[in-house]
Every structure is written in structure tokens, then in C-alpha cells.
N, C-alpha and C. Protein backbone atom coordinates (compact mmCIF):
# COMPACT_ATOMS: atom_id res chain seq x y z
N MET A 1 12.24 4.82 -24.90
CA MET A 1 11.91 3.90 -23.84
C MET A 1 13.21 3.34 -23.29
N ARG A 2 13.27 3.25 -21.99
CA ARG A 2 14.47 2.75 -21.32
C ARG A 2 14.12 1.57 -20.43
N ALA A 3 15.04 0.62 -20.36
CA ALA A 3 14.82 -0.55 -19.51
C ALA A 3 16.12 -0.91 -18.80
N VAL A 4 15.98 -1.25 -17.54
CA VAL A 4 17.06 -1.86 -16.77
C VAL A 4 16.67 -3.32 -16.65
N ILE A 5 17.52 -4.20 -17.16
CA ILE A 5 17.22 -5.62 -17.21
C ILE A 5 18.21 -6.36 -16.33
N GLN A 6 17.69 -7.13 -15.38
CA GLN A 6 18.53 -7.90 -14.50
C GLN A 6 18.15 -9.37 -14.58
N LYS A 7 19.17 -10.21 -14.76
CA LYS A 7 18.94 -11.66 -14.73
C LYS A 7 18.77 -12.04 -13.26
N VAL A 8 17.70 -12.76 -12.95
CA VAL A 8 17.38 -13.06 -11.56
C VAL A 8 17.10 -14.55 -11.34
N THR A 9 17.38 -14.98 -10.11
CA THR A 9 16.92 -16.31 -9.69
C THR A 9 15.55 -16.20 -9.05
N CYS A 10 15.22 -14.99 -8.54
CA CYS A 10 13.88 -14.72 -8.02
C CYS A 10 13.70 -13.21 -7.96
N ALA A 11 12.45 -12.78 -8.11
CA ALA A 11 12.12 -11.36 -7.99
C ALA A 11 10.64 -11.26 -7.66
N GLN A 12 10.30 -10.27 -6.86
CA GLN A 12 8.89 -10.03 -6.57
C GLN A 12 8.65 -8.56 -6.34
N VAL A 13 7.39 -8.17 -6.56
CA VAL A 13 6.98 -6.80 -6.33
C VAL A 13 5.76 -6.83 -5.43
N ASP A 14 5.82 -6.00 -4.40
CA ASP A 14 4.73 -5.87 -3.43
C ASP A 14 4.18 -4.46 -3.49
N VAL A 15 2.87 -4.33 -3.26
CA VAL A 15 2.27 -3.01 -3.09
C VAL A 15 1.99 -2.82 -1.61
N LEU A 16 2.07 -1.56 -1.19
CA LEU A 16 1.84 -1.23 0.21
C LEU A 16 0.39 -0.84 0.40
N LEU A 17 -0.27 -1.52 1.31
CA LEU A 17 -1.67 -1.26 1.63
C LEU A 17 -1.76 -0.82 3.09
N GLU A 18 -2.88 -0.23 3.46
CA GLU A 18 -3.06 0.18 4.85
C GLU A 18 -2.89 -0.98 5.80
N GLU A 19 -3.35 -2.16 5.38
CA GLU A 19 -3.28 -3.33 6.24
C GLU A 19 -2.01 -4.16 6.06
N GLY A 20 -1.05 -3.65 5.28
CA GLY A 20 0.21 -4.36 5.09
C GLY A 20 0.65 -4.37 3.64
N ARG A 21 1.39 -5.41 3.28
CA ARG A 21 1.91 -5.56 1.92
C ARG A 21 1.21 -6.70 1.21
N GLU A 22 1.09 -6.56 -0.12
CA GLU A 22 0.52 -7.62 -0.93
C GLU A 22 1.43 -7.86 -2.13
N THR A 23 1.84 -9.11 -2.31
CA THR A 23 2.66 -9.46 -3.47
C THR A 23 1.75 -9.51 -4.69
N VAL A 24 2.12 -8.74 -5.73
CA VAL A 24 1.31 -8.70 -6.95
C VAL A 24 2.01 -9.34 -8.14
N GLY A 25 3.30 -9.59 -8.02
CA GLY A 25 4.04 -10.25 -9.09
C GLY A 25 5.25 -10.95 -8.53
N ARG A 26 5.55 -12.15 -9.08
CA ARG A 26 6.69 -12.92 -8.60
C ARG A 26 7.17 -13.84 -9.73
N VAL A 27 8.49 -13.88 -9.93
CA VAL A 27 9.07 -14.80 -10.91
C VAL A 27 10.32 -15.43 -10.32
N SER A 28 10.72 -16.53 -10.93
CA SER A 28 12.01 -17.14 -10.62
C SER A 28 12.69 -17.48 -11.94
N ASP A 29 14.00 -17.51 -11.91
CA ASP A 29 14.79 -17.87 -13.09
C ASP A 29 14.32 -17.15 -14.35
N GLY A 30 14.55 -15.86 -14.36
CA GLY A 30 14.15 -15.06 -15.51
C GLY A 30 14.76 -13.68 -15.44
N LEU A 31 13.94 -12.67 -15.77
CA LEU A 31 14.41 -11.29 -15.82
C LEU A 31 13.52 -10.37 -15.01
N MET A 32 14.16 -9.44 -14.32
CA MET A 32 13.50 -8.30 -13.69
C MET A 32 13.71 -7.14 -14.65
N VAL A 33 12.62 -6.53 -15.12
CA VAL A 33 12.71 -5.44 -16.07
C VAL A 33 12.03 -4.21 -15.49
N LEU A 34 12.84 -3.16 -15.24
CA LEU A 34 12.31 -1.86 -14.86
C LEU A 34 12.18 -1.06 -16.14
N LEU A 35 11.00 -0.54 -16.41
CA LEU A 35 10.70 0.10 -17.69
C LEU A 35 10.28 1.54 -17.51
N GLY A 36 10.99 2.44 -18.20
CA GLY A 36 10.63 3.85 -18.22
C GLY A 36 10.18 4.26 -19.61
N VAL A 37 9.11 5.04 -19.67
CA VAL A 37 8.55 5.49 -20.94
C VAL A 37 8.78 6.99 -21.07
N GLY A 38 9.34 7.39 -22.22
CA GLY A 38 9.62 8.80 -22.48
C GLY A 38 8.51 9.49 -23.24
N LEU A 39 8.55 10.81 -23.26
CA LEU A 39 7.52 11.64 -23.90
C LEU A 39 7.27 11.28 -25.37
N ASP A 40 8.34 10.98 -26.11
CA ASP A 40 8.18 10.75 -27.54
C ASP A 40 8.16 9.27 -27.91
N ASP A 41 7.93 8.40 -26.94
CA ASP A 41 7.87 6.96 -27.21
C ASP A 41 6.53 6.56 -27.81
N ASP A 42 6.57 5.50 -28.62
CA ASP A 42 5.36 4.97 -29.23
C ASP A 42 5.46 3.45 -29.31
N GLU A 43 4.58 2.82 -30.08
CA GLU A 43 4.54 1.37 -30.20
C GLU A 43 5.83 0.80 -30.78
N ASN A 44 6.52 1.56 -31.64
CA ASN A 44 7.80 1.09 -32.18
C ASN A 44 8.84 0.93 -31.08
N ASP A 45 8.83 1.84 -30.12
CA ASP A 45 9.75 1.75 -28.99
C ASP A 45 9.40 0.55 -28.12
N ALA A 46 8.10 0.34 -27.91
CA ALA A 46 7.65 -0.81 -27.12
C ALA A 46 8.07 -2.11 -27.80
N ARG A 47 7.91 -2.18 -29.11
CA ARG A 47 8.30 -3.38 -29.86
C ARG A 47 9.80 -3.63 -29.75
N TYR A 48 10.60 -2.58 -29.87
CA TYR A 48 12.05 -2.72 -29.76
C TYR A 48 12.43 -3.32 -28.40
N ILE A 49 11.89 -2.75 -27.33
CA ILE A 49 12.22 -3.23 -25.99
C ILE A 49 11.75 -4.67 -25.79
N ALA A 50 10.53 -4.98 -26.21
CA ALA A 50 10.00 -6.34 -26.04
C ALA A 50 10.81 -7.36 -26.84
N ASP A 51 11.08 -7.06 -28.10
CA ASP A 51 11.83 -7.99 -28.94
C ASP A 51 13.25 -8.19 -28.43
N LYS A 52 13.89 -7.10 -28.05
CA LYS A 52 15.26 -7.18 -27.55
C LYS A 52 15.31 -7.97 -26.25
N THR A 53 14.37 -7.71 -25.35
CA THR A 53 14.32 -8.41 -24.07
C THR A 53 14.10 -9.91 -24.27
N ALA A 54 13.16 -10.25 -25.13
CA ALA A 54 12.86 -11.66 -25.37
C ALA A 54 14.04 -12.41 -25.98
N GLY A 55 14.83 -11.72 -26.79
CA GLY A 55 15.90 -12.39 -27.52
C GLY A 55 17.29 -12.25 -26.93
N LEU A 56 17.45 -11.47 -25.85
CA LEU A 56 18.78 -11.29 -25.26
C LEU A 56 19.37 -12.63 -24.83
N ARG A 57 20.56 -12.91 -25.28
CA ARG A 57 21.23 -14.17 -24.94
C ARG A 57 22.11 -13.94 -23.72
N ILE A 58 21.49 -14.01 -22.53
CA ILE A 58 22.22 -13.73 -21.29
C ILE A 58 22.08 -14.85 -20.27
N PHE A 59 21.65 -16.02 -20.73
CA PHE A 59 21.56 -17.19 -19.86
C PHE A 59 22.58 -18.23 -20.32
N GLU A 60 23.16 -18.96 -19.37
CA GLU A 60 24.23 -19.90 -19.67
C GLU A 60 23.72 -21.12 -20.44
N ASP A 61 24.56 -21.55 -21.40
CA ASP A 61 24.31 -22.82 -22.08
C ASP A 61 25.07 -23.92 -21.33
N ALA A 62 25.10 -25.13 -21.89
CA ALA A 62 25.77 -26.27 -21.23
C ALA A 62 27.26 -26.02 -21.03
N ALA A 63 27.86 -25.18 -21.86
CA ALA A 63 29.28 -24.87 -21.74
C ALA A 63 29.55 -23.68 -20.81
N GLY A 64 28.50 -23.13 -20.22
CA GLY A 64 28.66 -22.00 -19.31
C GLY A 64 28.77 -20.65 -20.00
N LYS A 65 28.51 -20.58 -21.28
CA LYS A 65 28.56 -19.32 -22.02
C LYS A 65 27.18 -18.67 -22.04
N LEU A 66 27.15 -17.35 -22.03
CA LEU A 66 25.89 -16.61 -22.12
C LEU A 66 25.41 -16.70 -23.56
N ASN A 67 24.61 -17.72 -23.83
CA ASN A 67 24.21 -18.04 -25.20
C ASN A 67 22.72 -18.26 -25.37
N LEU A 68 21.97 -18.27 -24.27
CA LEU A 68 20.55 -18.61 -24.33
C LEU A 68 19.69 -17.41 -23.96
N SER A 69 18.51 -17.36 -24.56
CA SER A 69 17.55 -16.28 -24.28
C SER A 69 16.42 -16.80 -23.39
N LEU A 70 15.55 -15.89 -22.99
CA LEU A 70 14.35 -16.29 -22.25
C LEU A 70 13.53 -17.31 -23.04
N GLN A 71 13.47 -17.11 -24.33
CA GLN A 71 12.70 -18.02 -25.18
C GLN A 71 13.32 -19.42 -25.17
N ASP A 72 14.64 -19.50 -25.04
CA ASP A 72 15.32 -20.80 -24.99
C ASP A 72 15.15 -21.48 -23.64
N THR A 73 15.13 -20.68 -22.56
CA THR A 73 15.14 -21.25 -21.21
C THR A 73 13.75 -21.42 -20.60
N GLY A 74 12.75 -20.75 -21.18
CA GLY A 74 11.42 -20.79 -20.59
C GLY A 74 11.28 -19.90 -19.37
N GLY A 75 12.20 -18.93 -19.22
CA GLY A 75 12.17 -18.03 -18.08
C GLY A 75 11.02 -17.03 -18.18
N ALA A 76 10.78 -16.34 -17.08
CA ALA A 76 9.68 -15.37 -16.99
C ALA A 76 10.24 -13.96 -16.81
N VAL A 77 9.37 -12.97 -16.93
CA VAL A 77 9.72 -11.56 -16.74
C VAL A 77 8.84 -10.95 -15.67
N LEU A 78 9.47 -10.23 -14.75
CA LEU A 78 8.73 -9.36 -13.84
C LEU A 78 8.95 -7.95 -14.36
N LEU A 79 7.89 -7.33 -14.87
CA LEU A 79 7.94 -6.01 -15.51
C LEU A 79 7.34 -4.98 -14.57
N VAL A 80 8.14 -3.96 -14.25
CA VAL A 80 7.71 -2.92 -13.31
C VAL A 80 7.95 -1.55 -13.95
N SER A 81 6.93 -0.71 -13.95
CA SER A 81 7.03 0.65 -14.47
C SER A 81 7.94 1.47 -13.57
N GLN A 82 8.83 2.28 -14.19
CA GLN A 82 9.82 3.04 -13.43
C GLN A 82 10.06 4.38 -14.12
N PHE A 83 9.19 5.37 -13.88
CA PHE A 83 9.32 6.66 -14.56
C PHE A 83 10.62 7.35 -14.21
N THR A 84 11.24 7.01 -13.07
CA THR A 84 12.47 7.68 -12.67
C THR A 84 13.66 7.33 -13.57
N LEU A 85 13.50 6.39 -14.50
CA LEU A 85 14.57 6.13 -15.47
C LEU A 85 14.76 7.32 -16.41
N TYR A 86 13.79 8.24 -16.42
CA TYR A 86 13.91 9.46 -17.21
C TYR A 86 14.28 10.67 -16.37
N ALA A 87 14.78 10.45 -15.17
CA ALA A 87 15.21 11.55 -14.31
C ALA A 87 16.43 12.24 -14.91
N ASP A 88 16.44 13.55 -14.84
CA ASP A 88 17.59 14.35 -15.26
C ASP A 88 18.13 15.04 -14.01
N ALA A 89 19.28 14.58 -13.56
CA ALA A 89 19.88 15.12 -12.34
C ALA A 89 21.17 15.88 -12.63
N ARG A 90 21.31 16.34 -13.86
CA ARG A 90 22.54 17.03 -14.24
C ARG A 90 22.66 18.41 -13.60
N SER A 91 21.55 19.01 -13.24
CA SER A 91 21.57 20.36 -12.69
C SER A 91 20.86 20.36 -11.34
N GLY A 92 21.47 20.97 -10.36
CA GLY A 92 20.85 21.06 -9.05
C GLY A 92 20.82 19.72 -8.32
N ARG A 93 19.97 19.67 -7.30
CA ARG A 93 19.90 18.47 -6.47
C ARG A 93 18.58 17.73 -6.58
N ARG A 94 17.59 18.39 -7.16
CA ARG A 94 16.29 17.75 -7.32
C ARG A 94 16.13 17.33 -8.78
N PRO A 95 16.00 16.02 -9.03
CA PRO A 95 15.88 15.56 -10.42
C PRO A 95 14.62 16.11 -11.09
N SER A 96 14.73 16.33 -12.39
CA SER A 96 13.59 16.72 -13.20
C SER A 96 13.08 15.46 -13.90
N PHE A 97 11.77 15.32 -13.97
CA PHE A 97 11.16 14.17 -14.65
C PHE A 97 10.37 14.62 -15.88
N SER A 98 10.72 15.78 -16.42
CA SER A 98 9.95 16.34 -17.53
C SER A 98 10.06 15.52 -18.81
N ALA A 99 11.07 14.65 -18.94
CA ALA A 99 11.21 13.82 -20.14
C ALA A 99 10.40 12.52 -20.05
N ALA A 100 9.84 12.25 -18.88
CA ALA A 100 9.02 11.04 -18.71
C ALA A 100 7.63 11.27 -19.30
N ALA A 101 7.09 10.21 -19.87
CA ALA A 101 5.75 10.29 -20.46
C ALA A 101 4.70 10.55 -19.39
N ARG A 102 3.59 11.17 -19.80
CA ARG A 102 2.45 11.35 -18.92
C ARG A 102 1.86 9.98 -18.59
N PRO A 103 1.20 9.84 -17.45
CA PRO A 103 0.72 8.52 -17.00
C PRO A 103 -0.13 7.75 -18.02
N GLU A 104 -1.01 8.43 -18.73
CA GLU A 104 -1.88 7.71 -19.68
C GLU A 104 -1.07 7.06 -20.79
N GLN A 105 -0.14 7.80 -21.36
CA GLN A 105 0.72 7.28 -22.42
C GLN A 105 1.64 6.19 -21.87
N ALA A 106 2.22 6.45 -20.71
CA ALA A 106 3.16 5.50 -20.12
C ALA A 106 2.49 4.17 -19.80
N GLU A 107 1.31 4.21 -19.22
CA GLU A 107 0.62 2.97 -18.88
C GLU A 107 0.26 2.17 -20.14
N ARG A 108 -0.21 2.86 -21.15
CA ARG A 108 -0.58 2.18 -22.40
C ARG A 108 0.63 1.47 -23.00
N LEU A 109 1.78 2.13 -23.04
CA LEU A 109 2.97 1.53 -23.63
C LEU A 109 3.59 0.47 -22.73
N TYR A 110 3.51 0.66 -21.43
CA TYR A 110 3.96 -0.35 -20.46
C TYR A 110 3.17 -1.64 -20.65
N LEU A 111 1.86 -1.53 -20.76
CA LEU A 111 1.02 -2.71 -20.98
C LEU A 111 1.28 -3.32 -22.36
N ALA A 112 1.60 -2.48 -23.35
CA ALA A 112 1.93 -2.98 -24.68
C ALA A 112 3.19 -3.83 -24.64
N VAL A 113 4.21 -3.40 -23.90
CA VAL A 113 5.44 -4.19 -23.76
C VAL A 113 5.11 -5.53 -23.13
N ALA A 114 4.28 -5.53 -22.08
CA ALA A 114 3.90 -6.78 -21.43
C ALA A 114 3.20 -7.71 -22.42
N ASP A 115 2.27 -7.19 -23.19
CA ASP A 115 1.55 -8.00 -24.18
C ASP A 115 2.49 -8.52 -25.27
N MET A 116 3.42 -7.68 -25.72
CA MET A 116 4.36 -8.11 -26.76
C MET A 116 5.28 -9.21 -26.25
N LEU A 117 5.71 -9.11 -25.00
CA LEU A 117 6.52 -10.19 -24.42
C LEU A 117 5.71 -11.48 -24.34
N ARG A 118 4.46 -11.36 -23.94
CA ARG A 118 3.60 -12.55 -23.91
C ARG A 118 3.43 -13.14 -25.31
N GLY A 119 3.42 -12.29 -26.32
CA GLY A 119 3.34 -12.74 -27.70
C GLY A 119 4.55 -13.57 -28.12
N HIS A 120 5.65 -13.41 -27.41
CA HIS A 120 6.85 -14.22 -27.64
C HIS A 120 6.79 -15.54 -26.86
N GLY A 121 5.68 -15.78 -26.17
CA GLY A 121 5.54 -17.00 -25.39
C GLY A 121 6.16 -16.93 -24.01
N ILE A 122 6.40 -15.71 -23.54
CA ILE A 122 7.04 -15.52 -22.23
C ILE A 122 5.98 -15.20 -21.18
N ARG A 123 6.10 -15.84 -20.02
CA ARG A 123 5.20 -15.52 -18.91
C ARG A 123 5.65 -14.19 -18.33
N VAL A 124 4.70 -13.27 -18.16
CA VAL A 124 4.99 -11.93 -17.66
C VAL A 124 4.14 -11.65 -16.44
N GLU A 125 4.80 -11.24 -15.36
CA GLU A 125 4.14 -10.73 -14.17
C GLU A 125 4.41 -9.23 -14.15
N THR A 126 3.51 -8.46 -13.55
CA THR A 126 3.69 -7.00 -13.53
C THR A 126 3.46 -6.44 -12.15
N GLY A 127 3.95 -5.23 -11.98
CA GLY A 127 3.63 -4.46 -10.80
C GLY A 127 2.31 -3.75 -11.02
N CYS A 128 1.98 -2.82 -10.14
CA CYS A 128 0.76 -2.01 -10.28
C CYS A 128 1.17 -0.61 -10.70
N PHE A 129 0.68 -0.18 -11.83
CA PHE A 129 1.07 1.11 -12.38
C PHE A 129 0.67 2.24 -11.44
N GLN A 130 1.55 3.22 -11.30
CA GLN A 130 1.32 4.43 -10.50
C GLN A 130 0.98 4.12 -9.05
N THR A 131 1.67 3.14 -8.50
CA THR A 131 1.45 2.72 -7.12
C THR A 131 2.80 2.63 -6.42
N HIS A 132 2.83 2.94 -5.13
CA HIS A 132 4.04 2.74 -4.36
C HIS A 132 4.28 1.24 -4.24
N MET A 133 5.45 0.80 -4.71
CA MET A 133 5.77 -0.63 -4.70
C MET A 133 7.11 -0.85 -4.02
N GLN A 134 7.32 -2.07 -3.57
CA GLN A 134 8.62 -2.51 -3.09
C GLN A 134 9.03 -3.71 -3.91
N VAL A 135 10.23 -3.61 -4.50
CA VAL A 135 10.74 -4.66 -5.38
C VAL A 135 11.91 -5.34 -4.68
N SER A 136 11.90 -6.65 -4.69
CA SER A 136 13.04 -7.39 -4.17
C SER A 136 13.46 -8.42 -5.21
N LEU A 137 14.76 -8.68 -5.24
CA LEU A 137 15.26 -9.61 -6.24
C LEU A 137 16.61 -10.17 -5.82
N CYS A 138 16.96 -11.27 -6.45
CA CYS A 138 18.30 -11.83 -6.35
C CYS A 138 18.90 -11.80 -7.74
N ASN A 139 19.79 -10.83 -7.97
CA ASN A 139 20.43 -10.65 -9.28
C ASN A 139 21.43 -11.78 -9.47
N ASP A 140 21.27 -12.54 -10.54
CA ASP A 140 22.08 -13.72 -10.82
C ASP A 140 23.25 -13.34 -11.71
N GLY A 141 24.44 -13.54 -11.23
CA GLY A 141 25.64 -13.27 -12.03
C GLY A 141 26.64 -12.38 -11.30
N PRO A 142 26.37 -11.16 -11.03
CA PRO A 142 25.20 -10.39 -11.45
C PRO A 142 25.27 -10.00 -12.92
N VAL A 143 24.12 -10.01 -13.55
CA VAL A 143 23.98 -9.56 -14.94
C VAL A 143 22.93 -8.46 -14.96
N THR A 144 23.35 -7.26 -15.36
CA THR A 144 22.45 -6.11 -15.47
C THR A 144 22.77 -5.38 -16.77
N LEU A 145 21.74 -5.14 -17.56
CA LEU A 145 21.90 -4.46 -18.85
C LEU A 145 20.97 -3.25 -18.93
N LEU A 146 21.39 -2.26 -19.69
CA LEU A 146 20.57 -1.09 -19.95
C LEU A 146 20.17 -1.09 -21.42
N LEU A 147 18.89 -0.87 -21.69
CA LEU A 147 18.40 -0.74 -23.06
C LEU A 147 17.77 0.62 -23.23
N ASP A 148 17.93 1.18 -24.41
CA ASP A 148 17.30 2.45 -24.76
C ASP A 148 16.82 2.33 -26.19
N SER A 149 15.52 2.47 -26.41
CA SER A 149 14.96 2.29 -27.75
C SER A 149 15.46 3.35 -28.73
N LYS A 150 15.93 4.48 -28.21
CA LYS A 150 16.48 5.53 -29.07
C LYS A 150 17.97 5.31 -29.31
N LYS A 151 18.52 4.31 -28.65
CA LYS A 151 19.93 3.90 -28.79
C LYS A 151 20.90 5.03 -28.46
N THR A 152 20.57 5.76 -27.38
CA THR A 152 21.47 6.85 -26.95
C THR A 152 22.60 6.32 -26.07
N PHE A 153 22.48 5.09 -25.62
CA PHE A 153 23.58 4.43 -24.90
C PHE A 153 23.54 2.97 -25.16
């Protein structure tokens, strides 16, 4: 499982409808998390990502040091499924997505990460799985981190 985590002052995700756009998730002062699920991921991978995200000390303390976590600050998470995090573009010009989990597995584990984050007392907003979305955010810092449950990077 892979995640791109960005510290944000605000973030929102909209879905595109025939009659326009609809905002389905919005947070302020927290994290924007793009989550990709791989073929061999399971609940252990979901737990790793949720626990690591909840405990990351990337918010400033009174001394201005990155010493506080979401749990310390009361921040929220906007969690959006992003299968393209498993794109392989090493060969040719068209990325391969064969390492990404099938939709049924990916959705189940995506929702598991959301539930596990909520279990840490964190407010979680989500996008709509398998839907064309538009994400906007203000990256604070900027602070952007990459997580991989298999620890390949």
C-alpha cells in the first residue's frame, strides 16, 4: 500500500456530475492522503498506513519544530483513492497499472484505512471510490511524505 501524505491548511475533493460539481469531502488543518492499494496488500498494510499516518509528527509545536501528530493537533484527514500510485512507467510511454489491486479489494482496504484512522479518534473525509474526482488543496510548508507499507522506499 502506498500513500502520498501532504500537510494542508485546506483540501477538498469534488465529483463531476452532469449538472456540475459536488464537494464530497473537505478538511482544514490536517492531511491530504492519496492512497494506492497493491495486488498483494491486506489488512496488515492498511493498519501500517493508518497507524503511521495518525502518528506522524509533522505539525509544529510551540517552538516551531515538527513534533506534533494529527492526534496531538486534532487535525482531520481527506482520504482519496489513487490507483495510479501503482503506475509503472519504466518502459514505453503508457503506464502499466497491473500492480494495482482490483477494485473490490482496493475499495475494501481503502475503507479499512478510513475506519482505522477513525479508530485513532481522527475525523476522516473521503472521496468517492472509482469516480472521476477533482482534488484541490493548499499544501502547508510544503510538507509531503511518501509511505509504502512494504517499505520499498
